mmCIF file of all heavy atoms, coordinates in Angstrom:
data_MODEL
# 
_entry.id   MODEL 
# 
loop_
_atom_site.group_PDB 
_atom_site.id 
_atom_site.type_symbol 
_atom_site.label_atom_id 
_atom_site.label_alt_id 
_atom_site.label_comp_id 
_atom_site.label_asym_id 
_atom_site.label_entity_id 
_atom_site.label_seq_id 
_atom_site.pdbx_PDB_ins_code 
_atom_site.Cartn_x 
_atom_site.Cartn_y 
_atom_site.Cartn_z 
_atom_site.occupancy 
_atom_site.B_iso_or_equiv 
_atom_site.pdbx_formal_charge 
_atom_site.auth_seq_id 
_atom_site.auth_comp_id 
_atom_site.auth_asym_id 
_atom_site.auth_atom_id 
_atom_site.pdbx_PDB_model_num 
ATOM 1   N N   . LEU A 1 1  ? 5.893  -11.983 -2.682  1.00 0.00 ? 1  LEU A N   1 
ATOM 2   C CA  . LEU A 1 1  ? 6.237  -12.192 -4.086  1.00 0.00 ? 1  LEU A CA  1 
ATOM 3   C C   . LEU A 1 1  ? 7.484  -13.062 -4.222  1.00 0.00 ? 1  LEU A C   1 
ATOM 4   O O   . LEU A 1 1  ? 7.550  -13.953 -5.075  1.00 0.00 ? 1  LEU A O   1 
ATOM 5   C CB  . LEU A 1 1  ? 6.470  -10.846 -4.782  1.00 0.00 ? 1  LEU A CB  1 
ATOM 6   C CG  . LEU A 1 1  ? 5.263  -9.894  -4.832  1.00 0.00 ? 1  LEU A CG  1 
ATOM 7   C CD1 . LEU A 1 1  ? 5.664  -8.573  -5.474  1.00 0.00 ? 1  LEU A CD1 1 
ATOM 8   C CD2 . LEU A 1 1  ? 4.123  -10.539 -5.622  1.00 0.00 ? 1  LEU A CD2 1 
ATOM 9   N N   . ARG A 1 2  ? 8.483  -12.814 -3.384  1.00 0.00 ? 2  ARG A N   1 
ATOM 10  C CA  . ARG A 1 2  ? 9.740  -13.554 -3.475  1.00 0.00 ? 2  ARG A CA  1 
ATOM 11  C C   . ARG A 1 2  ? 9.564  -15.030 -3.152  1.00 0.00 ? 2  ARG A C   1 
ATOM 12  O O   . ARG A 1 2  ? 10.335 -15.874 -3.616  1.00 0.00 ? 2  ARG A O   1 
ATOM 13  C CB  . ARG A 1 2  ? 10.786 -12.945 -2.534  1.00 0.00 ? 2  ARG A CB  1 
ATOM 14  C CG  . ARG A 1 2  ? 11.302 -11.593 -2.984  1.00 0.00 ? 2  ARG A CG  1 
ATOM 15  C CD  . ARG A 1 2  ? 11.972 -11.689 -4.334  1.00 0.00 ? 2  ARG A CD  1 
ATOM 16  N NE  . ARG A 1 2  ? 12.586 -10.446 -4.753  1.00 0.00 ? 2  ARG A NE  1 
ATOM 17  C CZ  . ARG A 1 2  ? 13.199 -10.274 -5.904  1.00 0.00 ? 2  ARG A CZ  1 
ATOM 18  N NH1 . ARG A 1 2  ? 13.263 -11.267 -6.772  1.00 0.00 ? 2  ARG A NH1 1 
ATOM 19  N NH2 . ARG A 1 2  ? 13.746 -9.112  -6.219  1.00 0.00 ? 2  ARG A NH2 1 
ATOM 20  N N   . ALA A 1 3  ? 8.560  -15.380 -2.347  1.00 0.00 ? 3  ALA A N   1 
ATOM 21  C CA  . ALA A 1 3  ? 8.312  -16.783 -2.020  1.00 0.00 ? 3  ALA A CA  1 
ATOM 22  C C   . ALA A 1 3  ? 8.019  -17.603 -3.271  1.00 0.00 ? 3  ALA A C   1 
ATOM 23  O O   . ALA A 1 3  ? 8.245  -18.821 -3.296  1.00 0.00 ? 3  ALA A O   1 
ATOM 24  C CB  . ALA A 1 3  ? 7.160  -16.898 -1.023  1.00 0.00 ? 3  ALA A CB  1 
ATOM 25  N N   . GLY A 1 4  ? 7.534  -16.937 -4.313  1.00 0.00 ? 4  GLY A N   1 
ATOM 26  C CA  . GLY A 1 4  ? 7.227  -17.631 -5.566  1.00 0.00 ? 4  GLY A CA  1 
ATOM 27  C C   . GLY A 1 4  ? 8.377  -17.661 -6.552  1.00 0.00 ? 4  GLY A C   1 
ATOM 28  O O   . GLY A 1 4  ? 8.249  -18.202 -7.653  1.00 0.00 ? 4  GLY A O   1 
ATOM 29  N N   . ASP A 1 5  ? 9.539  -17.102 -6.181  1.00 0.00 ? 5  ASP A N   1 
ATOM 30  C CA  . ASP A 1 5  ? 10.694 -17.067 -7.075  1.00 0.00 ? 5  ASP A CA  1 
ATOM 31  C C   . ASP A 1 5  ? 11.519 -18.346 -6.971  1.00 0.00 ? 5  ASP A C   1 
ATOM 32  O O   . ASP A 1 5  ? 11.492 -19.053 -5.961  1.00 0.00 ? 5  ASP A O   1 
ATOM 33  C CB  . ASP A 1 5  ? 11.602 -15.878 -6.730  1.00 0.00 ? 5  ASP A CB  1 
ATOM 34  C CG  . ASP A 1 5  ? 11.011 -14.556 -7.206  1.00 0.00 ? 5  ASP A CG  1 
ATOM 35  O OD1 . ASP A 1 5  ? 10.048 -14.574 -7.992  1.00 0.00 ? 5  ASP A OD1 1 
ATOM 36  O OD2 . ASP A 1 5  ? 11.530 -13.503 -6.779  1.00 0.00 ? 5  ASP A OD2 1 
ATOM 37  N N   . TYR A 1 6  ? 12.309 -18.588 -8.016  1.00 0.00 ? 6  TYR A N   1 
ATOM 38  C CA  . TYR A 1 6  ? 13.298 -19.665 -8.003  1.00 0.00 ? 6  TYR A CA  1 
ATOM 39  C C   . TYR A 1 6  ? 14.648 -19.086 -7.565  1.00 0.00 ? 6  TYR A C   1 
ATOM 40  O O   . TYR A 1 6  ? 14.877 -17.881 -7.694  1.00 0.00 ? 6  TYR A O   1 
ATOM 41  C CB  . TYR A 1 6  ? 13.419 -20.299 -9.395  1.00 0.00 ? 6  TYR A CB  1 
ATOM 42  C CG  . TYR A 1 6  ? 12.199 -21.078 -9.812  1.00 0.00 ? 6  TYR A CG  1 
ATOM 43  C CD1 . TYR A 1 6  ? 11.209 -20.487 -10.593 1.00 0.00 ? 6  TYR A CD1 1 
ATOM 44  C CD2 . TYR A 1 6  ? 12.025 -22.405 -9.413  1.00 0.00 ? 6  TYR A CD2 1 
ATOM 45  C CE1 . TYR A 1 6  ? 10.074 -21.198 -10.979 1.00 0.00 ? 6  TYR A CE1 1 
ATOM 46  C CE2 . TYR A 1 6  ? 10.894 -23.130 -9.784  1.00 0.00 ? 6  TYR A CE2 1 
ATOM 47  C CZ  . TYR A 1 6  ? 9.927  -22.524 -10.564 1.00 0.00 ? 6  TYR A CZ  1 
ATOM 48  O OH  . TYR A 1 6  ? 8.808  -23.227 -10.922 1.00 0.00 ? 6  TYR A OH  1 
ATOM 49  N N   . PRO A 1 7  ? 15.570 -19.924 -7.048  1.00 0.00 ? 7  PRO A N   1 
ATOM 50  C CA  . PRO A 1 7  ? 16.845 -19.399 -6.549  1.00 0.00 ? 7  PRO A CA  1 
ATOM 51  C C   . PRO A 1 7  ? 17.609 -18.533 -7.548  1.00 0.00 ? 7  PRO A C   1 
ATOM 52  O O   . PRO A 1 7  ? 18.218 -17.527 -7.175  1.00 0.00 ? 7  PRO A O   1 
ATOM 53  C CB  . PRO A 1 7  ? 17.632 -20.666 -6.203  1.00 0.00 ? 7  PRO A CB  1 
ATOM 54  C CG  . PRO A 1 7  ? 16.585 -21.655 -5.827  1.00 0.00 ? 7  PRO A CG  1 
ATOM 55  C CD  . PRO A 1 7  ? 15.439 -21.365 -6.740  1.00 0.00 ? 7  PRO A CD  1 
ATOM 56  N N   . HIS A 1 8  ? 17.587 -18.885 -8.847  1.00 0.00 ? 8  HIS A N   1 
ATOM 57  C CA  . HIS A 1 8  ? 18.363 -18.126 -9.824  1.00 0.00 ? 8  HIS A CA  1 
ATOM 58  C C   . HIS A 1 8  ? 17.816 -16.714 -10.045 1.00 0.00 ? 8  HIS A C   1 
ATOM 59  O O   . HIS A 1 8  ? 18.499 -15.869 -10.626 1.00 0.00 ? 8  HIS A O   1 
ATOM 60  C CB  . HIS A 1 8  ? 18.411 -18.875 -11.166 1.00 0.00 ? 8  HIS A CB  1 
ATOM 61  C CG  . HIS A 1 8  ? 17.115 -18.864 -11.914 1.00 0.00 ? 8  HIS A CG  1 
ATOM 62  N ND1 . HIS A 1 8  ? 16.144 -19.838 -11.726 1.00 0.00 ? 8  HIS A ND1 1 
ATOM 63  C CD2 . HIS A 1 8  ? 16.607 -17.993 -12.833 1.00 0.00 ? 8  HIS A CD2 1 
ATOM 64  C CE1 . HIS A 1 8  ? 15.117 -19.573 -12.510 1.00 0.00 ? 8  HIS A CE1 1 
ATOM 65  N NE2 . HIS A 1 8  ? 15.363 -18.466 -13.192 1.00 0.00 ? 8  HIS A NE2 1 
ATOM 66  N N   . GLN A 1 9  ? 16.610 -16.465 -9.548  1.00 0.00 ? 9  GLN A N   1 
ATOM 67  C CA  . GLN A 1 9  ? 16.020 -15.132 -9.698  1.00 0.00 ? 9  GLN A CA  1 
ATOM 68  C C   . GLN A 1 9  ? 16.441 -14.179 -8.578  1.00 0.00 ? 9  GLN A C   1 
ATOM 69  O O   . GLN A 1 9  ? 16.083 -13.010 -8.604  1.00 0.00 ? 9  GLN A O   1 
ATOM 70  C CB  . GLN A 1 9  ? 14.485 -15.247 -9.741  1.00 0.00 ? 9  GLN A CB  1 
ATOM 71  C CG  . GLN A 1 9  ? 13.972 -15.991 -10.966 1.00 0.00 ? 9  GLN A CG  1 
ATOM 72  C CD  . GLN A 1 9  ? 12.459 -16.170 -10.921 1.00 0.00 ? 9  GLN A CD  1 
ATOM 73  O OE1 . GLN A 1 9  ? 11.940 -17.006 -10.168 1.00 0.00 ? 9  GLN A OE1 1 
ATOM 74  N NE2 . GLN A 1 9  ? 11.758 -15.376 -11.709 1.00 0.00 ? 9  GLN A NE2 1 
ATOM 75  N N   . LEU A 1 10 ? 17.186 -14.688 -7.608  1.00 0.00 ? 10 LEU A N   1 
ATOM 76  C CA  . LEU A 1 10 ? 17.626 -13.876 -6.474  1.00 0.00 ? 10 LEU A CA  1 
ATOM 77  C C   . LEU A 1 10 ? 19.110 -13.572 -6.579  1.00 0.00 ? 10 LEU A C   1 
ATOM 78  O O   . LEU A 1 10 ? 19.882 -14.341 -7.155  1.00 0.00 ? 10 LEU A O   1 
ATOM 79  C CB  . LEU A 1 10 ? 17.347 -14.610 -5.153  1.00 0.00 ? 10 LEU A CB  1 
ATOM 80  C CG  . LEU A 1 10 ? 15.921 -15.079 -4.891  1.00 0.00 ? 10 LEU A CG  1 
ATOM 81  C CD1 . LEU A 1 10 ? 15.861 -15.802 -3.556  1.00 0.00 ? 10 LEU A CD1 1 
ATOM 82  C CD2 . LEU A 1 10 ? 14.949 -13.917 -4.907  1.00 0.00 ? 10 LEU A CD2 1 
ATOM 83  N N   . SER A 1 11 ? 19.514 -12.464 -5.979  1.00 0.00 ? 11 SER A N   1 
ATOM 84  C CA  . SER A 1 11 ? 20.935 -12.123 -5.901  1.00 0.00 ? 11 SER A CA  1 
ATOM 85  C C   . SER A 1 11 ? 21.628 -13.049 -4.896  1.00 0.00 ? 11 SER A C   1 
ATOM 86  O O   . SER A 1 11 ? 20.975 -13.756 -4.121  1.00 0.00 ? 11 SER A O   1 
ATOM 87  C CB  . SER A 1 11 ? 21.111 -10.672 -5.465  1.00 0.00 ? 11 SER A CB  1 
ATOM 88  O OG  . SER A 1 11 ? 20.670 -10.518 -4.117  1.00 0.00 ? 11 SER A OG  1 
ATOM 89  N N   . GLY A 1 12 ? 22.979 -13.019 -4.891  1.00 0.00 ? 12 GLY A N   1 
ATOM 90  C CA  . GLY A 1 12 ? 23.724 -13.858 -3.955  1.00 0.00 ? 12 GLY A CA  1 
ATOM 91  C C   . GLY A 1 12 ? 23.380 -13.551 -2.510  1.00 0.00 ? 12 GLY A C   1 
ATOM 92  O O   . GLY A 1 12 ? 23.207 -14.456 -1.684  1.00 0.00 ? 12 GLY A O   1 
ATOM 93  N N   . GLY A 1 13 ? 23.266 -12.264 -2.180  1.00 0.00 ? 13 GLY A N   1 
ATOM 94  C CA  . GLY A 1 13 ? 22.929 -11.882 -0.812  1.00 0.00 ? 13 GLY A CA  1 
ATOM 95  C C   . GLY A 1 13 ? 21.542 -12.336 -0.403  1.00 0.00 ? 13 GLY A C   1 
ATOM 96  O O   . GLY A 1 13 ? 21.332 -12.787 0.732   1.00 0.00 ? 13 GLY A O   1 
ATOM 97  N N   . MET A 1 14 ? 20.586 -12.261 -1.335  1.00 0.00 ? 14 MET A N   1 
ATOM 98  C CA  . MET A 1 14 ? 19.220 -12.698 -1.015  1.00 0.00 ? 14 MET A CA  1 
ATOM 99  C C   . MET A 1 14 ? 19.152 -14.214 -0.887  1.00 0.00 ? 14 MET A C   1 
ATOM 100 O O   . MET A 1 14 ? 18.419 -14.738 -0.039  1.00 0.00 ? 14 MET A O   1 
ATOM 101 C CB  . MET A 1 14 ? 18.252 -12.182 -2.081  1.00 0.00 ? 14 MET A CB  1 
ATOM 102 C CG  . MET A 1 14 ? 18.052 -10.673 -2.032  1.00 0.00 ? 14 MET A CG  1 
ATOM 103 S SD  . MET A 1 14 ? 16.920 -10.053 -3.280  1.00 0.00 ? 14 MET A SD  1 
ATOM 104 C CE  . MET A 1 14 ? 15.366 -10.653 -2.677  1.00 0.00 ? 14 MET A CE  1 
ATOM 105 N N   . ARG A 1 15 ? 19.904 -14.927 -1.719  1.00 0.00 ? 15 ARG A N   1 
ATOM 106 C CA  . ARG A 1 15 ? 19.937 -16.389 -1.579  1.00 0.00 ? 15 ARG A CA  1 
ATOM 107 C C   . ARG A 1 15 ? 20.497 -16.778 -0.213  1.00 0.00 ? 15 ARG A C   1 
ATOM 108 O O   . ARG A 1 15 ? 20.016 -17.706 0.429   1.00 0.00 ? 15 ARG A O   1 
ATOM 109 C CB  . ARG A 1 15 ? 20.789 -17.016 -2.688  1.00 0.00 ? 15 ARG A CB  1 
ATOM 110 C CG  . ARG A 1 15 ? 20.118 -17.036 -4.042  1.00 0.00 ? 15 ARG A CG  1 
ATOM 111 C CD  . ARG A 1 15 ? 20.800 -17.997 -4.989  1.00 0.00 ? 15 ARG A CD  1 
ATOM 112 N NE  . ARG A 1 15 ? 22.158 -17.619 -5.287  1.00 0.00 ? 15 ARG A NE  1 
ATOM 113 C CZ  . ARG A 1 15 ? 22.533 -16.890 -6.334  1.00 0.00 ? 15 ARG A CZ  1 
ATOM 114 N NH1 . ARG A 1 15 ? 21.603 -16.450 -7.182  1.00 0.00 ? 15 ARG A NH1 1 
ATOM 115 N NH2 . ARG A 1 15 ? 23.792 -16.594 -6.545  1.00 0.00 ? 15 ARG A NH2 1 
ATOM 116 N N   . GLN A 1 16 ? 21.531 -16.049 0.225   1.00 0.00 ? 16 GLN A N   1 
ATOM 117 C CA  . GLN A 1 16 ? 22.103 -16.348 1.538   1.00 0.00 ? 16 GLN A CA  1 
ATOM 118 C C   . GLN A 1 16 ? 21.089 -16.074 2.643   1.00 0.00 ? 16 GLN A C   1 
ATOM 119 O O   . GLN A 1 16 ? 21.020 -16.810 3.638   1.00 0.00 ? 16 GLN A O   1 
ATOM 120 C CB  . GLN A 1 16 ? 23.377 -15.532 1.753   1.00 0.00 ? 16 GLN A CB  1 
ATOM 121 C CG  . GLN A 1 16 ? 24.215 -15.957 2.940   1.00 0.00 ? 16 GLN A CG  1 
ATOM 122 C CD  . GLN A 1 16 ? 24.809 -17.344 2.790   1.00 0.00 ? 16 GLN A CD  1 
ATOM 123 O OE1 . GLN A 1 16 ? 24.089 -18.342 2.720   1.00 0.00 ? 16 GLN A OE1 1 
ATOM 124 N NE2 . GLN A 1 16 ? 26.123 -17.418 2.756   1.00 0.00 ? 16 GLN A NE2 1 
ATOM 125 N N   . ARG A 1 17 ? 20.284 -15.046 2.497   1.00 0.00 ? 17 ARG A N   1 
ATOM 126 C CA  . ARG A 1 17 ? 19.233 -14.753 3.479   1.00 0.00 ? 17 ARG A CA  1 
ATOM 127 C C   . ARG A 1 17 ? 18.182 -15.863 3.501   1.00 0.00 ? 17 ARG A C   1 
ATOM 128 O O   . ARG A 1 17 ? 17.659 -16.214 4.571   1.00 0.00 ? 17 ARG A O   1 
ATOM 129 C CB  . ARG A 1 17 ? 18.575 -13.416 3.160   1.00 0.00 ? 17 ARG A CB  1 
ATOM 130 C CG  . ARG A 1 17 ? 19.473 -12.218 3.439   1.00 0.00 ? 17 ARG A CG  1 
ATOM 131 C CD  . ARG A 1 17 ? 18.866 -10.928 2.898   1.00 0.00 ? 17 ARG A CD  1 
ATOM 132 N NE  . ARG A 1 17 ? 19.818 -9.832  3.015   1.00 0.00 ? 17 ARG A NE  1 
ATOM 133 C CZ  . ARG A 1 17 ? 19.906 -9.026  4.065   1.00 0.00 ? 17 ARG A CZ  1 
ATOM 134 N NH1 . ARG A 1 17 ? 19.099 -9.195  5.092   1.00 0.00 ? 17 ARG A NH1 1 
ATOM 135 N NH2 . ARG A 1 17 ? 20.805 -8.062  4.099   1.00 0.00 ? 17 ARG A NH2 1 
ATOM 136 N N   . VAL A 1 18 ? 17.884 -16.438 2.338   1.00 0.00 ? 18 VAL A N   1 
ATOM 137 C CA  . VAL A 1 18 ? 16.941 -17.562 2.286   1.00 0.00 ? 18 VAL A CA  1 
ATOM 138 C C   . VAL A 1 18 ? 17.509 -18.763 3.026   1.00 0.00 ? 18 VAL A C   1 
ATOM 139 O O   . VAL A 1 18 ? 16.809 -19.436 3.786   1.00 0.00 ? 18 VAL A O   1 
ATOM 140 C CB  . VAL A 1 18 ? 16.612 -17.934 0.820   1.00 0.00 ? 18 VAL A CB  1 
ATOM 141 C CG1 . VAL A 1 18 ? 15.792 -19.219 0.770   1.00 0.00 ? 18 VAL A CG1 1 
ATOM 142 C CG2 . VAL A 1 18 ? 15.848 -16.799 0.139   1.00 0.00 ? 18 VAL A CG2 1 
ATOM 143 N N   . VAL A 1 19 ? 18.798 -19.036 2.828   1.00 0.00 ? 19 VAL A N   1 
ATOM 144 C CA  . VAL A 1 19 ? 19.456 -20.151 3.522   1.00 0.00 ? 19 VAL A CA  1 
ATOM 145 C C   . VAL A 1 19 ? 19.415 -19.923 5.032   1.00 0.00 ? 19 VAL A C   1 
ATOM 146 O O   . VAL A 1 19 ? 19.178 -20.862 5.806   1.00 0.00 ? 19 VAL A O   1 
ATOM 147 C CB  . VAL A 1 19 ? 20.901 -20.322 3.025   1.00 0.00 ? 19 VAL A CB  1 
ATOM 148 C CG1 . VAL A 1 19 ? 21.643 -21.350 3.863   1.00 0.00 ? 19 VAL A CG1 1 
ATOM 149 C CG2 . VAL A 1 19 ? 20.918 -20.731 1.561   1.00 0.00 ? 19 VAL A CG2 1 
ATOM 150 N N   . ILE A 1 20 ? 19.628 -18.677 5.453   1.00 0.00 ? 20 ILE A N   1 
ATOM 151 C CA  . ILE A 1 20 ? 19.550 -18.352 6.885   1.00 0.00 ? 20 ILE A CA  1 
ATOM 152 C C   . ILE A 1 20 ? 18.129 -18.576 7.396   1.00 0.00 ? 20 ILE A C   1 
ATOM 153 O O   . ILE A 1 20 ? 17.922 -19.138 8.480   1.00 0.00 ? 20 ILE A O   1 
ATOM 154 C CB  . ILE A 1 20 ? 19.995 -16.901 7.134   1.00 0.00 ? 20 ILE A CB  1 
ATOM 155 C CG1 . ILE A 1 20 ? 21.497 -16.751 6.835   1.00 0.00 ? 20 ILE A CG1 1 
ATOM 156 C CG2 . ILE A 1 20 ? 19.707 -16.475 8.573   1.00 0.00 ? 20 ILE A CG2 1 
ATOM 157 C CD1 . ILE A 1 20 ? 21.983 -15.323 6.865   1.00 0.00 ? 20 ILE A CD1 1 
ATOM 158 N N   . ALA A 1 21 ? 17.144 -18.167 6.610   1.00 0.00 ? 21 ALA A N   1 
ATOM 159 C CA  . ALA A 1 21 ? 15.742 -18.369 6.999   1.00 0.00 ? 21 ALA A CA  1 
ATOM 160 C C   . ALA A 1 21 ? 15.430 -19.850 7.166   1.00 0.00 ? 21 ALA A C   1 
ATOM 161 O O   . ALA A 1 21 ? 14.750 -20.256 8.120   1.00 0.00 ? 21 ALA A O   1 
ATOM 162 C CB  . ALA A 1 21 ? 14.813 -17.751 5.951   1.00 0.00 ? 21 ALA A CB  1 
ATOM 163 N N   . MET A 1 22 ? 15.938 -20.682 6.268   1.00 0.00 ? 22 MET A N   1 
ATOM 164 C CA  . MET A 1 22 ? 15.719 -22.127 6.365   1.00 0.00 ? 22 MET A CA  1 
ATOM 165 C C   . MET A 1 22 ? 16.395 -22.704 7.604   1.00 0.00 ? 22 MET A C   1 
ATOM 166 O O   . MET A 1 22 ? 15.840 -23.557 8.294   1.00 0.00 ? 22 MET A O   1 
ATOM 167 C CB  . MET A 1 22 ? 16.226 -22.820 5.098   1.00 0.00 ? 22 MET A CB  1 
ATOM 168 C CG  . MET A 1 22 ? 15.440 -22.467 3.843   1.00 0.00 ? 22 MET A CG  1 
ATOM 169 S SD  . MET A 1 22 ? 16.149 -23.178 2.337   1.00 0.00 ? 22 MET A SD  1 
ATOM 170 C CE  . MET A 1 22 ? 15.811 -24.906 2.587   1.00 0.00 ? 22 MET A CE  1 
ATOM 171 N N   . ALA A 1 23 ? 17.613 -22.219 7.888   1.00 0.00 ? 23 ALA A N   1 
ATOM 172 C CA  . ALA A 1 23 ? 18.354 -22.731 9.042   1.00 0.00 ? 23 ALA A CA  1 
ATOM 173 C C   . ALA A 1 23 ? 17.681 -22.369 10.358  1.00 0.00 ? 23 ALA A C   1 
ATOM 174 O O   . ALA A 1 23 ? 17.769 -23.117 11.335  1.00 0.00 ? 23 ALA A O   1 
ATOM 175 C CB  . ALA A 1 23 ? 19.781 -22.188 9.014   1.00 0.00 ? 23 ALA A CB  1 
ATOM 176 N N   . LEU A 1 24 ? 17.013 -21.206 10.395  1.00 0.00 ? 24 LEU A N   1 
ATOM 177 C CA  . LEU A 1 24 ? 16.441 -20.708 11.651  1.00 0.00 ? 24 LEU A CA  1 
ATOM 178 C C   . LEU A 1 24 ? 14.929 -20.883 11.743  1.00 0.00 ? 24 LEU A C   1 
ATOM 179 O O   . LEU A 1 24 ? 14.319 -20.452 12.713  1.00 0.00 ? 24 LEU A O   1 
ATOM 180 C CB  . LEU A 1 24 ? 16.787 -19.220 11.818  1.00 0.00 ? 24 LEU A CB  1 
ATOM 181 C CG  . LEU A 1 24 ? 18.278 -18.866 11.808  1.00 0.00 ? 24 LEU A CG  1 
ATOM 182 C CD1 . LEU A 1 24 ? 18.473 -17.378 12.070  1.00 0.00 ? 24 LEU A CD1 1 
ATOM 183 C CD2 . LEU A 1 24 ? 19.041 -19.676 12.842  1.00 0.00 ? 24 LEU A CD2 1 
ATOM 184 N N   . ALA A 1 25 ? 14.343 -21.534 10.743  1.00 0.00 ? 25 ALA A N   1 
ATOM 185 C CA  . ALA A 1 25 ? 12.887 -21.647 10.684  1.00 0.00 ? 25 ALA A CA  1 
ATOM 186 C C   . ALA A 1 25 ? 12.293 -22.247 11.949  1.00 0.00 ? 25 ALA A C   1 
ATOM 187 O O   . ALA A 1 25 ? 11.254 -21.787 12.439  1.00 0.00 ? 25 ALA A O   1 
ATOM 188 C CB  . ALA A 1 25 ? 12.486 -22.484 9.460   1.00 0.00 ? 25 ALA A CB  1 
ATOM 189 N N   . CYS A 1 26 ? 12.930 -23.273 12.490  1.00 0.00 ? 26 CYS A N   1 
ATOM 190 C CA  . CYS A 1 26 ? 12.383 -23.972 13.664  1.00 0.00 ? 26 CYS A CA  1 
ATOM 191 C C   . CYS A 1 26 ? 13.013 -23.513 14.972  1.00 0.00 ? 26 CYS A C   1 
ATOM 192 O O   . CYS A 1 26 ? 12.934 -24.217 15.986  1.00 0.00 ? 26 CYS A O   1 
ATOM 193 C CB  . CYS A 1 26 ? 12.554 -25.478 13.483  1.00 0.00 ? 26 CYS A CB  1 
ATOM 194 S SG  . CYS A 1 26 ? 11.596 -26.150 12.102  1.00 0.00 ? 26 CYS A SG  1 
# 
C-alpha cells in the first residue's frame, strides 16, 4: 500500500526509511 503513497503522506521516519531503501536497492 505504501508503494502507492506520495512522500508527503509519510512521516519523517518513514521517508528516511524510503531514502535508505533507495540507497541500498542495488
